[in-house]
Amino acid sequence: MDKMDIEFRKCTRDDLTYLVQISKSTFCEAFEADNDPEDFNAYMDSAFSTTQLQKELSQEHTTFYFVIGKGQVLGYFKLNEFDAQSEFHEVIGIELERVYITSGNQGKGIGRQVLNQIFEIAKTRKKHYVWLGVWQRNPRAIKFYEAYGFQKIGTHPYFIGNDKQTDWLMRKEV
């Protein structure tokens, strides 16, 4: 398979409308079928509202990036540092809170390029490790992260509406 040429662009406030759109569409593609519709819709309305994403986008230690290839946005990722992290809050770590590639672009090696970019960002910011949470019922994602050296270090609860789910916490030294 040929490696697709992709680039990464830091999102700005001007990108808010499209960030809301791609956040909703990629999350739906990934998880809608596996969740209760009422809980799922409540989560979507809260987590990916314009107000919520505007708040996250303007947070000092949170950064969103678009993944761009062939002139179109193929996905996005979100990194949190310091007090913006959902757990740990260690200066030497960085949280990969979200990484989504549109369904039509999965399996093309884009995820590998995204992770490599994230590792480079972490090194540039003098981080010792990258960590993330991944739904325990998402074996494909878990296998992907394990293939890149992430190891399970614990769990934490994650709520989709009122549905309490469990995320694996995974970490990779950089």
N, C-alpha and C. Protein backbone atom coordinates (compact mmCIF):
# COMPACT_ATOMS: atom_id res chain seq x y z
N MET A 1 0.84 -1.18 0.00
CA MET A 1 0.00 0.00 0.00
C MET A 1 0.88 1.24 0.00
N ASP A 2 0.57 2.17 -0.85
CA ASP A 2 1.32 3.42 -0.90
C ASP A 2 0.95 4.28 0.29
N LYS A 3 1.95 4.94 0.83
CA LYS A 3 1.73 5.85 1.95
C LYS A 3 1.09 7.13 1.42
N MET A 4 -0.03 7.50 1.99
CA MET A 4 -0.70 8.73 1.58
C MET A 4 0.04 9.92 2.18
N ASP A 5 0.28 10.93 1.39
CA ASP A 5 0.90 12.15 1.90
C ASP A 5 -0.14 12.92 2.70
N ILE A 6 0.16 13.10 3.96
CA ILE A 6 -0.76 13.86 4.80
C ILE A 6 0.00 14.96 5.52
N GLU A 7 -0.75 15.92 5.96
CA GLU A 7 -0.19 17.02 6.74
C GLU A 7 -1.08 17.23 7.95
N PHE A 8 -0.57 17.97 8.90
CA PHE A 8 -1.28 18.23 10.14
C PHE A 8 -1.37 19.74 10.32
N ARG A 9 -2.57 20.20 10.62
CA ARG A 9 -2.77 21.63 10.81
C ARG A 9 -3.47 21.88 12.13
N LYS A 10 -2.85 22.71 12.95
CA LYS A 10 -3.45 23.07 14.23
C LYS A 10 -4.76 23.81 13.98
N CYS A 11 -5.79 23.41 14.69
CA CYS A 11 -7.09 24.05 14.54
C CYS A 11 -7.12 25.39 15.26
N THR A 12 -7.87 26.31 14.70
CA THR A 12 -8.06 27.63 15.31
C THR A 12 -9.56 27.83 15.54
N ARG A 13 -9.90 28.92 16.14
CA ARG A 13 -11.32 29.24 16.37
C ARG A 13 -12.10 29.31 15.06
N ASP A 14 -11.41 29.68 13.99
CA ASP A 14 -12.07 29.75 12.68
C ASP A 14 -12.50 28.37 12.18
N ASP A 15 -11.94 27.31 12.77
CA ASP A 15 -12.26 25.94 12.36
C ASP A 15 -13.39 25.32 13.17
N LEU A 16 -13.97 26.07 14.09
CA LEU A 16 -14.94 25.51 15.04
C LEU A 16 -16.10 24.78 14.36
N THR A 17 -16.71 25.38 13.37
CA THR A 17 -17.87 24.75 12.72
C THR A 17 -17.50 23.40 12.13
N TYR A 18 -16.38 23.34 11.45
CA TYR A 18 -15.97 22.06 10.85
C TYR A 18 -15.51 21.07 11.91
N LEU A 19 -14.88 21.55 12.98
CA LEU A 19 -14.47 20.67 14.07
C LEU A 19 -15.68 20.01 14.72
N VAL A 20 -16.74 20.76 14.92
CA VAL A 20 -17.99 20.19 15.46
C VAL A 20 -18.51 19.12 14.50
N GLN A 21 -18.54 19.42 13.23
CA GLN A 21 -19.06 18.48 12.23
C GLN A 21 -18.25 17.18 12.20
N ILE A 22 -16.94 17.28 12.10
CA ILE A 22 -16.13 16.06 11.99
C ILE A 22 -16.10 15.30 13.31
N SER A 23 -16.17 16.01 14.42
CA SER A 23 -16.21 15.34 15.73
C SER A 23 -17.46 14.47 15.84
N LYS A 24 -18.59 15.05 15.46
CA LYS A 24 -19.85 14.31 15.53
C LYS A 24 -19.87 13.14 14.55
N SER A 25 -19.46 13.39 13.32
CA SER A 25 -19.57 12.34 12.31
C SER A 25 -18.63 11.16 12.61
N THR A 26 -17.40 11.44 13.02
CA THR A 26 -16.47 10.33 13.28
C THR A 26 -16.84 9.57 14.54
N PHE A 27 -17.34 10.27 15.56
CA PHE A 27 -17.76 9.57 16.78
C PHE A 27 -18.98 8.69 16.49
N CYS A 28 -19.90 9.20 15.71
CA CYS A 28 -21.07 8.39 15.32
C CYS A 28 -20.65 7.15 14.55
N GLU A 29 -19.76 7.33 13.56
CA GLU A 29 -19.27 6.19 12.78
C GLU A 29 -18.67 5.12 13.68
N ALA A 30 -17.94 5.56 14.69
CA ALA A 30 -17.21 4.64 15.55
C ALA A 30 -18.08 3.95 16.60
N PHE A 31 -19.06 4.66 17.17
CA PHE A 31 -19.70 4.13 18.38
C PHE A 31 -21.22 4.10 18.42
N GLU A 32 -21.88 4.71 17.47
CA GLU A 32 -23.34 4.80 17.57
C GLU A 32 -24.01 3.43 17.63
N ALA A 33 -23.57 2.51 16.81
CA ALA A 33 -24.21 1.18 16.74
C ALA A 33 -24.07 0.38 18.03
N ASP A 34 -23.07 0.70 18.85
CA ASP A 34 -22.79 -0.07 20.06
C ASP A 34 -23.31 0.55 21.34
N ASN A 35 -24.15 1.56 21.21
CA ASN A 35 -24.64 2.27 22.40
C ASN A 35 -26.14 2.47 22.34
N ASP A 36 -26.73 2.61 23.51
CA ASP A 36 -28.15 2.92 23.64
C ASP A 36 -28.41 4.28 22.98
N PRO A 37 -29.41 4.36 22.08
CA PRO A 37 -29.65 5.62 21.36
C PRO A 37 -29.88 6.83 22.27
N GLU A 38 -30.64 6.65 23.34
CA GLU A 38 -30.92 7.78 24.23
C GLU A 38 -29.65 8.28 24.91
N ASP A 39 -28.86 7.36 25.47
CA ASP A 39 -27.61 7.75 26.11
C ASP A 39 -26.64 8.34 25.09
N PHE A 40 -26.58 7.73 23.93
CA PHE A 40 -25.66 8.19 22.89
C PHE A 40 -25.99 9.61 22.45
N ASN A 41 -27.26 9.86 22.19
CA ASN A 41 -27.67 11.20 21.75
C ASN A 41 -27.44 12.25 22.82
N ALA A 42 -27.68 11.89 24.08
CA ALA A 42 -27.41 12.83 25.18
C ALA A 42 -25.93 13.17 25.23
N TYR A 43 -25.09 12.16 25.06
CA TYR A 43 -23.65 12.39 25.06
C TYR A 43 -23.24 13.29 23.89
N MET A 44 -23.73 12.98 22.71
CA MET A 44 -23.39 13.75 21.52
C MET A 44 -23.77 15.23 21.69
N ASP A 45 -24.98 15.46 22.22
CA ASP A 45 -25.46 16.83 22.40
C ASP A 45 -24.58 17.61 23.37
N SER A 46 -24.01 16.92 24.34
CA SER A 46 -23.17 17.56 25.34
C SER A 46 -21.71 17.68 24.89
N ALA A 47 -21.11 16.56 24.51
CA ALA A 47 -19.67 16.51 24.25
C ALA A 47 -19.26 17.24 22.98
N PHE A 48 -20.13 17.26 21.98
CA PHE A 48 -19.74 17.82 20.69
C PHE A 48 -20.57 19.04 20.29
N SER A 49 -21.13 19.71 21.28
CA SER A 49 -21.86 20.95 20.98
C SER A 49 -20.86 22.04 20.60
N THR A 50 -21.36 23.03 19.90
CA THR A 50 -20.50 24.16 19.52
C THR A 50 -19.93 24.83 20.77
N THR A 51 -20.75 24.99 21.78
CA THR A 51 -20.31 25.62 23.03
C THR A 51 -19.19 24.82 23.69
N GLN A 52 -19.36 23.50 23.78
CA GLN A 52 -18.35 22.66 24.42
C GLN A 52 -17.04 22.65 23.64
N LEU A 53 -17.12 22.48 22.33
CA LEU A 53 -15.88 22.43 21.54
C LEU A 53 -15.20 23.80 21.48
N GLN A 54 -15.97 24.87 21.52
CA GLN A 54 -15.38 26.21 21.57
C GLN A 54 -14.60 26.37 22.88
N LYS A 55 -15.17 25.88 23.98
CA LYS A 55 -14.50 25.93 25.28
C LYS A 55 -13.20 25.13 25.24
N GLU A 56 -13.25 23.92 24.69
CA GLU A 56 -12.06 23.08 24.62
C GLU A 56 -11.01 23.68 23.69
N LEU A 57 -11.44 24.22 22.58
CA LEU A 57 -10.53 24.81 21.60
C LEU A 57 -9.80 26.02 22.18
N SER A 58 -10.43 26.74 23.08
CA SER A 58 -9.80 27.92 23.66
C SER A 58 -9.04 27.63 24.95
N GLN A 59 -9.07 26.38 25.40
CA GLN A 59 -8.34 26.00 26.62
C GLN A 59 -6.83 26.08 26.37
N GLU A 60 -6.12 26.67 27.29
CA GLU A 60 -4.70 26.96 27.11
C GLU A 60 -3.85 25.72 26.80
N HIS A 61 -4.10 24.61 27.43
CA HIS A 61 -3.24 23.44 27.28
C HIS A 61 -3.88 22.31 26.46
N THR A 62 -4.84 22.67 25.63
CA THR A 62 -5.49 21.73 24.72
C THR A 62 -5.23 22.17 23.29
N THR A 63 -4.89 21.21 22.45
CA THR A 63 -4.63 21.52 21.04
C THR A 63 -5.33 20.50 20.16
N PHE A 64 -6.07 20.97 19.18
CA PHE A 64 -6.69 20.11 18.17
C PHE A 64 -5.89 20.26 16.88
N TYR A 65 -5.78 19.16 16.14
CA TYR A 65 -5.13 19.17 14.84
C TYR A 65 -6.02 18.48 13.82
N PHE A 66 -6.12 19.05 12.63
CA PHE A 66 -6.75 18.35 11.52
C PHE A 66 -5.69 17.52 10.82
N VAL A 67 -6.12 16.35 10.35
CA VAL A 67 -5.30 15.47 9.53
C VAL A 67 -5.79 15.69 8.10
N ILE A 68 -4.91 16.17 7.23
CA ILE A 68 -5.32 16.57 5.89
C ILE A 68 -4.56 15.77 4.84
N GLY A 69 -5.28 15.26 3.86
CA GLY A 69 -4.67 14.55 2.74
C GLY A 69 -5.48 14.80 1.48
N LYS A 70 -4.78 14.96 0.38
CA LYS A 70 -5.43 15.21 -0.90
C LYS A 70 -6.43 16.36 -0.82
N GLY A 71 -6.06 17.37 -0.05
CA GLY A 71 -6.88 18.58 0.03
C GLY A 71 -8.13 18.48 0.88
N GLN A 72 -8.29 17.38 1.61
CA GLN A 72 -9.48 17.26 2.45
C GLN A 72 -9.11 16.79 3.86
N VAL A 73 -9.97 17.11 4.81
CA VAL A 73 -9.76 16.69 6.19
C VAL A 73 -10.15 15.22 6.31
N LEU A 74 -9.17 14.42 6.73
CA LEU A 74 -9.36 12.97 6.86
C LEU A 74 -9.66 12.55 8.29
N GLY A 75 -9.44 13.46 9.22
CA GLY A 75 -9.66 13.17 10.63
C GLY A 75 -9.10 14.28 11.48
N TYR A 76 -9.02 14.00 12.78
CA TYR A 76 -8.47 14.99 13.70
C TYR A 76 -7.98 14.29 14.95
N PHE A 77 -7.17 15.01 15.73
CA PHE A 77 -6.81 14.52 17.05
C PHE A 77 -6.71 15.69 18.02
N LYS A 78 -6.77 15.33 19.30
CA LYS A 78 -6.78 16.32 20.37
C LYS A 78 -5.76 15.90 21.42
N LEU A 79 -4.89 16.84 21.80
CA LEU A 79 -3.89 16.60 22.82
C LEU A 79 -4.12 17.52 24.01
N ASN A 80 -3.92 16.98 25.20
CA ASN A 80 -4.05 17.75 26.44
C ASN A 80 -2.76 17.67 27.24
N GLU A 81 -2.38 18.80 27.79
CA GLU A 81 -1.20 18.87 28.65
C GLU A 81 -1.57 19.47 30.00
N PHE A 82 -0.70 19.26 30.97
CA PHE A 82 -0.80 19.86 32.29
C PHE A 82 -2.19 19.64 32.89
N ASP A 83 -2.84 20.72 33.34
CA ASP A 83 -4.14 20.58 34.00
C ASP A 83 -5.29 20.29 33.05
N ALA A 84 -5.06 20.34 31.76
CA ALA A 84 -6.12 20.01 30.79
C ALA A 84 -6.29 18.50 30.64
N GLN A 85 -5.35 17.72 31.14
CA GLN A 85 -5.46 16.26 31.05
C GLN A 85 -6.60 15.78 31.95
N SER A 86 -7.28 14.74 31.50
CA SER A 86 -8.41 14.22 32.28
C SER A 86 -7.96 13.39 33.48
N GLU A 87 -6.72 12.93 33.46
CA GLU A 87 -6.12 12.20 34.59
C GLU A 87 -4.65 12.58 34.66
N PHE A 88 -4.01 12.18 35.71
CA PHE A 88 -2.56 12.29 35.91
C PHE A 88 -2.05 13.72 36.08
N HIS A 89 -2.28 14.60 35.14
CA HIS A 89 -1.84 16.00 35.22
C HIS A 89 -0.34 16.14 35.45
N GLU A 90 0.43 15.19 34.98
CA GLU A 90 1.88 15.25 35.13
C GLU A 90 2.50 16.08 34.02
N VAL A 91 3.46 16.88 34.37
CA VAL A 91 4.14 17.74 33.41
C VAL A 91 4.85 16.92 32.34
N ILE A 92 5.28 15.72 32.67
CA ILE A 92 6.07 14.91 31.73
C ILE A 92 5.22 14.05 30.80
N GLY A 93 3.89 14.12 30.94
CA GLY A 93 3.01 13.34 30.09
C GLY A 93 2.11 14.21 29.24
N ILE A 94 1.60 13.63 28.17
CA ILE A 94 0.64 14.31 27.31
C ILE A 94 -0.48 13.30 27.00
N GLU A 95 -1.70 13.77 27.07
CA GLU A 95 -2.87 12.92 26.82
C GLU A 95 -3.32 13.04 25.37
N LEU A 96 -3.48 11.91 24.74
CA LEU A 96 -4.14 11.84 23.45
C LEU A 96 -5.60 11.53 23.77
N GLU A 97 -6.42 12.57 23.82
CA GLU A 97 -7.82 12.37 24.24
C GLU A 97 -8.69 11.88 23.10
N ARG A 98 -8.44 12.37 21.91
CA ARG A 98 -9.25 11.93 20.76
C ARG A 98 -8.35 11.78 19.56
N VAL A 99 -8.61 10.72 18.81
CA VAL A 99 -7.99 10.56 17.49
C VAL A 99 -9.00 9.81 16.64
N TYR A 100 -9.46 10.46 15.59
CA TYR A 100 -10.47 9.86 14.72
C TYR A 100 -10.10 10.10 13.27
N ILE A 101 -10.19 9.04 12.50
CA ILE A 101 -10.01 9.09 11.05
C ILE A 101 -11.36 8.72 10.45
N THR A 102 -11.81 9.45 9.44
CA THR A 102 -13.10 9.14 8.82
C THR A 102 -13.10 7.69 8.33
N SER A 103 -14.25 7.06 8.39
CA SER A 103 -14.34 5.61 8.11
C SER A 103 -13.82 5.26 6.72
N GLY A 104 -14.05 6.09 5.74
CA GLY A 104 -13.58 5.82 4.39
C GLY A 104 -12.08 5.91 4.22
N ASN A 105 -11.39 6.43 5.23
CA ASN A 105 -9.94 6.58 5.15
C ASN A 105 -9.20 5.70 6.15
N GLN A 106 -9.91 4.83 6.82
CA GLN A 106 -9.25 3.91 7.75
C GLN A 106 -8.62 2.75 6.97
N GLY A 107 -7.57 2.18 7.55
CA GLY A 107 -6.88 1.07 6.92
C GLY A 107 -5.92 1.48 5.82
N LYS A 108 -5.59 2.77 5.77
CA LYS A 108 -4.70 3.29 4.72
C LYS A 108 -3.36 3.75 5.29
N GLY A 109 -3.07 3.41 6.54
CA GLY A 109 -1.82 3.80 7.16
C GLY A 109 -1.82 5.21 7.74
N ILE A 110 -2.97 5.85 7.72
CA ILE A 110 -3.06 7.22 8.23
C ILE A 110 -2.89 7.23 9.74
N GLY A 111 -3.49 6.28 10.42
CA GLY A 111 -3.37 6.20 11.87
C GLY A 111 -1.92 6.10 12.32
N ARG A 112 -1.14 5.33 11.61
CA ARG A 112 0.29 5.18 11.91
C ARG A 112 1.00 6.54 11.79
N GLN A 113 0.69 7.27 10.73
CA GLN A 113 1.31 8.59 10.52
C GLN A 113 0.87 9.57 11.61
N VAL A 114 -0.39 9.47 12.00
CA VAL A 114 -0.90 10.34 13.06
C VAL A 114 -0.16 10.05 14.37
N LEU A 115 -0.04 8.78 14.73
CA LEU A 115 0.67 8.45 15.97
C LEU A 115 2.12 8.92 15.92
N ASN A 116 2.78 8.73 14.80
CA ASN A 116 4.16 9.21 14.68
C ASN A 116 4.24 10.72 14.87
N GLN A 117 3.27 11.45 14.33
CA GLN A 117 3.22 12.90 14.51
C GLN A 117 3.02 13.25 15.99
N ILE A 118 2.14 12.53 16.64
CA ILE A 118 1.87 12.76 18.07
C ILE A 118 3.13 12.50 18.89
N PHE A 119 3.86 11.44 18.57
CA PHE A 119 5.10 11.15 19.28
C PHE A 119 6.12 12.28 19.07
N GLU A 120 6.17 12.82 17.87
CA GLU A 120 7.09 13.93 17.59
C GLU A 120 6.68 15.19 18.36
N ILE A 121 5.39 15.45 18.41
CA ILE A 121 4.91 16.60 19.19
C ILE A 121 5.27 16.41 20.66
N ALA A 122 5.07 15.22 21.18
CA ALA A 122 5.40 14.93 22.58
C ALA A 122 6.88 15.17 22.85
N LYS A 123 7.73 14.68 21.96
CA LYS A 123 9.18 14.87 22.13
C LYS A 123 9.55 16.36 22.08
N THR A 124 8.96 17.08 21.13
CA THR A 124 9.23 18.51 20.99
C THR A 124 8.83 19.26 22.26
N ARG A 125 7.75 18.80 22.88
CA ARG A 125 7.27 19.45 24.11
C ARG A 125 7.92 18.85 25.36
N LYS A 126 8.95 18.03 25.14
CA LYS A 126 9.75 17.44 26.22
C LYS A 126 8.92 16.54 27.16
N LYS A 127 8.01 15.79 26.56
CA LYS A 127 7.21 14.83 27.31
C LYS A 127 7.92 13.48 27.32
N HIS A 128 7.71 12.73 28.37
CA HIS A 128 8.31 11.41 28.50
C HIS A 128 7.38 10.31 28.02
N TYR A 129 6.09 10.60 28.02
CA TYR A 129 5.14 9.58 27.59
C TYR A 129 3.86 10.20 27.03
N VAL A 130 3.16 9.38 26.23
CA VAL A 130 1.84 9.70 25.71
C VAL A 130 0.89 8.69 26.35
N TRP A 131 -0.26 9.16 26.79
CA TRP A 131 -1.24 8.24 27.35
C TRP A 131 -2.62 8.53 26.76
N LEU A 132 -3.50 7.55 26.86
CA LEU A 132 -4.84 7.68 26.30
C LEU A 132 -5.79 6.74 27.02
N GLY A 133 -7.07 6.96 26.80
CA GLY A 133 -8.12 6.06 27.26
C GLY A 133 -8.81 5.48 26.04
N VAL A 134 -9.04 4.17 26.05
CA VAL A 134 -9.71 3.51 24.93
C VAL A 134 -10.76 2.56 25.49
N TRP A 135 -11.93 2.58 24.91
CA TRP A 135 -13.05 1.76 25.38
C TRP A 135 -12.65 0.29 25.37
N GLN A 136 -12.89 -0.37 26.50
CA GLN A 136 -12.51 -1.78 26.62
C GLN A 136 -13.23 -2.67 25.60
N ARG A 137 -14.34 -2.19 25.05
CA ARG A 137 -15.07 -2.97 24.05
C ARG A 137 -14.70 -2.56 22.62
N ASN A 138 -13.50 -2.00 22.46
CA ASN A 138 -13.01 -1.60 21.14
C ASN A 138 -11.69 -2.35 20.86
N PRO A 139 -11.79 -3.67 20.63
CA PRO A 139 -10.56 -4.47 20.48
C PRO A 139 -9.69 -4.05 19.29
N ARG A 140 -10.29 -3.54 18.25
CA ARG A 140 -9.51 -3.10 17.09
C ARG A 140 -8.58 -1.95 17.47
N ALA A 141 -9.11 -0.98 18.21
CA ALA A 141 -8.28 0.16 18.64
C ALA A 141 -7.23 -0.30 19.64
N ILE A 142 -7.61 -1.16 20.57
CA ILE A 142 -6.65 -1.66 21.56
C ILE A 142 -5.50 -2.37 20.86
N LYS A 143 -5.82 -3.21 19.91
CA LYS A 143 -4.78 -3.94 19.16
C LYS A 143 -3.87 -2.95 18.42
N PHE A 144 -4.45 -1.93 17.82
CA PHE A 144 -3.68 -0.91 17.11
C PHE A 144 -2.70 -0.23 18.06
N TYR A 145 -3.19 0.22 19.21
CA TYR A 145 -2.31 0.91 20.16
C TYR A 145 -1.23 -0.02 20.70
N GLU A 146 -1.59 -1.25 20.98
CA GLU A 146 -0.59 -2.21 21.46
C GLU A 146 0.50 -2.44 20.42
N ALA A 147 0.13 -2.45 19.15
CA ALA A 147 1.11 -2.64 18.08
C ALA A 147 2.13 -1.50 18.03
N TYR A 148 1.77 -0.35 18.57
CA TYR A 148 2.67 0.80 18.60
C TYR A 148 3.29 1.00 19.97
N GLY A 149 3.21 -0.01 20.81
CA GLY A 149 3.93 0.02 22.08
C GLY A 149 3.18 0.55 23.28
N PHE A 150 1.90 0.85 23.12
CA PHE A 150 1.12 1.27 24.28
C PHE A 150 0.83 0.06 25.16
N GLN A 151 0.88 0.27 26.47
CA GLN A 151 0.59 -0.79 27.42
C GLN A 151 -0.51 -0.33 28.37
N LYS A 152 -1.36 -1.26 28.75
CA LYS A 152 -2.44 -0.96 29.69
C LYS A 152 -1.83 -0.68 31.06
N ILE A 153 -2.24 0.45 31.65
CA ILE A 153 -1.74 0.82 32.97
C ILE A 153 -2.87 0.97 33.99
N GLY A 154 -4.11 0.76 33.56
CA GLY A 154 -5.25 0.89 34.46
C GLY A 154 -6.54 1.07 33.70
N THR A 155 -7.57 1.47 34.42
CA THR A 155 -8.88 1.72 33.82
C THR A 155 -9.48 2.97 34.48
N HIS A 156 -10.47 3.53 33.81
CA HIS A 156 -11.28 4.57 34.44
C HIS A 156 -12.67 4.55 33.83
N PRO A 157 -13.65 5.07 34.57
CA PRO A 157 -15.01 5.10 34.03
C PRO A 157 -15.15 6.19 32.97
N TYR A 158 -16.03 5.92 32.01
CA TYR A 158 -16.33 6.87 30.94
C TYR A 158 -17.83 6.79 30.71
N PHE A 159 -18.49 7.92 30.75
CA PHE A 159 -19.95 7.92 30.64
C PHE A 159 -20.40 8.35 29.26
N ILE A 160 -21.25 7.53 28.66
CA ILE A 160 -21.99 7.88 27.45
C ILE A 160 -23.42 8.08 27.93
N GLY A 161 -23.79 9.35 28.12
CA GLY A 161 -25.07 9.62 28.76
C GLY A 161 -25.02 9.09 30.19
N ASN A 162 -25.97 8.24 30.54
CA ASN A 162 -26.00 7.63 31.87
C ASN A 162 -25.32 6.26 31.90
N ASP A 163 -24.83 5.81 30.75
CA ASP A 163 -24.21 4.49 30.65
C ASP A 163 -22.75 4.57 31.09
N LYS A 164 -22.46 3.95 32.23
CA LYS A 164 -21.09 3.92 32.74
C LYS A 164 -20.32 2.82 32.02
N GLN A 165 -19.31 3.23 31.25
CA GLN A 165 -18.47 2.29 30.52
C GLN A 165 -17.07 2.33 31.11
N THR A 166 -16.21 1.43 30.66
CA THR A 166 -14.84 1.37 31.17
C THR A 166 -13.86 1.59 30.04
N ASP A 167 -12.97 2.53 30.24
CA ASP A 167 -11.86 2.77 29.32
C ASP A 167 -10.59 2.15 29.90
N TRP A 168 -9.81 1.54 29.04
CA TRP A 168 -8.47 1.15 29.42
C TRP A 168 -7.60 2.39 29.33
N LEU A 169 -6.77 2.62 30.32
CA LEU A 169 -5.75 3.65 30.25
C LEU A 169 -4.50 2.98 29.71
N MET A 170 -3.94 3.55 28.65
CA MET A 170 -2.76 2.99 28.01
C MET A 170 -1.69 4.06 27.89
N ARG A 171 -0.45 3.63 27.93
CA ARG A 171 0.67 4.57 27.95
C ARG A 171 1.84 4.04 27.12
N LYS A 172 2.52 4.97 26.49
CA LYS A 172 3.73 4.64 25.73
C LYS A 172 4.81 5.67 26.05
N GLU A 173 5.98 5.18 26.38
CA GLU A 173 7.12 6.07 26.60
C GLU A 173 7.59 6.60 25.25
N VAL A 174 7.98 7.85 25.22
CA VAL A 174 8.54 8.43 24.00
C VAL A 174 9.95 8.92 24.26
